[in-house]
Amino acid sequence: MHKTNHRSLKKRPESDSRFEPLLDSEEAALLLRIHPKTLQKMARDGEIVGIHIGKLWRFRASDLNKWVDKIAS
């Protein structure tokens, strides 16, 4: 079993301790009611924020909301 030296761990600010689950292309596209390939192209073009992990795209729901707010105003 691996022992951790707790004194060496730095305490992170409260805002960094929250992790927002990532959506895959299909889940994110379903929320936006667009095709997953369209969403991936938008991410590649920088129109919408996406995270490219290997061959896969991942999206934060909060980034999708920001994008919708931006285009709606």
Protein backbone atom coordinates (compact mmCIF):
# COMPACT_ATOMS: atom_id res chain seq x y z
CA MET A 1 0.00 0.00 0.00
CA HIS A 2 1.31 3.46 -0.89
CA LYS A 3 1.77 5.88 1.97
CA THR A 4 1.23 9.59 1.33
CA ASN A 5 3.10 12.27 3.17
CA HIS A 6 0.22 14.63 3.97
CA ARG A 7 2.59 17.46 4.84
CA SER A 8 3.81 17.54 1.24
CA LEU A 9 0.31 18.00 -0.17
CA LYS A 10 -0.59 21.61 -0.89
CA LYS A 11 -4.06 22.79 0.00
CA ARG A 12 -5.83 24.06 -3.06
CA PRO A 13 -8.12 27.07 -3.08
CA GLU A 14 -11.80 26.18 -2.67
CA SER A 15 -12.61 27.10 -6.29
CA ASP A 16 -10.08 24.53 -7.61
CA SER A 17 -11.49 21.67 -5.56
CA ARG A 18 -14.68 21.37 -7.60
CA PHE A 19 -14.60 19.13 -10.64
CA GLU A 20 -17.20 19.57 -13.34
CA PRO A 21 -17.94 16.28 -15.10
CA LEU A 22 -17.17 16.31 -18.80
CA LEU A 23 -19.74 15.46 -21.45
CA ASP A 24 -18.85 13.48 -24.53
CA SER A 25 -19.78 14.76 -28.00
CA GLU A 26 -23.07 12.88 -28.10
CA GLU A 27 -24.22 14.11 -24.68
CA ALA A 28 -23.23 17.72 -25.38
CA ALA A 29 -24.78 17.68 -28.85
CA LEU A 30 -28.01 16.28 -27.43
CA LEU A 31 -28.22 19.24 -25.04
CA LEU A 32 -27.73 21.68 -27.92
CA ARG A 33 -29.95 19.66 -30.27
CA ILE A 34 -27.28 19.51 -32.97
CA HIS A 35 -25.35 16.66 -34.56
CA PRO A 36 -22.22 15.52 -32.68
CA LYS A 37 -20.05 16.01 -35.80
CA THR A 38 -21.30 19.61 -36.07
CA LEU A 39 -20.33 20.20 -32.45
CA GLN A 40 -16.87 18.68 -33.02
CA LYS A 41 -16.31 20.94 -36.05
CA MET A 42 -17.36 23.96 -34.01
CA ALA A 43 -14.84 22.98 -31.32
CA ARG A 44 -12.07 22.43 -33.91
CA ASP A 45 -12.84 25.88 -35.38
CA GLY A 46 -12.74 27.50 -31.93
CA GLU A 47 -16.38 28.57 -32.07
CA ILE A 48 -17.21 26.63 -28.91
CA VAL A 49 -14.92 25.54 -26.07
CA GLY A 50 -14.07 21.86 -26.15
CA ILE A 51 -11.31 19.71 -24.73
CA HIS A 52 -9.58 17.37 -27.17
CA ILE A 53 -8.32 14.27 -25.33
CA GLY A 54 -6.63 11.94 -27.77
CA LYS A 55 -9.18 11.37 -30.51
CA LEU A 56 -12.13 12.28 -28.31
CA TRP A 57 -13.84 15.60 -27.62
CA ARG A 58 -15.18 16.48 -24.17
CA PHE A 59 -17.29 19.46 -23.15
CA ARG A 60 -18.25 21.24 -19.93
CA ALA A 61 -21.94 22.03 -19.56
CA SER A 62 -20.97 25.46 -18.19
CA ASP A 63 -19.06 26.23 -21.42
CA LEU A 64 -22.09 25.18 -23.46
CA ASN A 65 -24.28 27.52 -21.38
CA LYS A 66 -21.84 30.41 -21.91
CA TRP A 67 -21.88 29.79 -25.66
CA VAL A 68 -25.70 29.74 -25.77
CA ASP A 69 -25.84 32.97 -23.72
CA LYS A 70 -23.34 34.58 -26.09
CA ILE A 71 -25.22 33.73 -29.27
CA ALA A 72 -28.60 34.54 -27.74
CA SER A 73 -27.67 38.12 -26.84
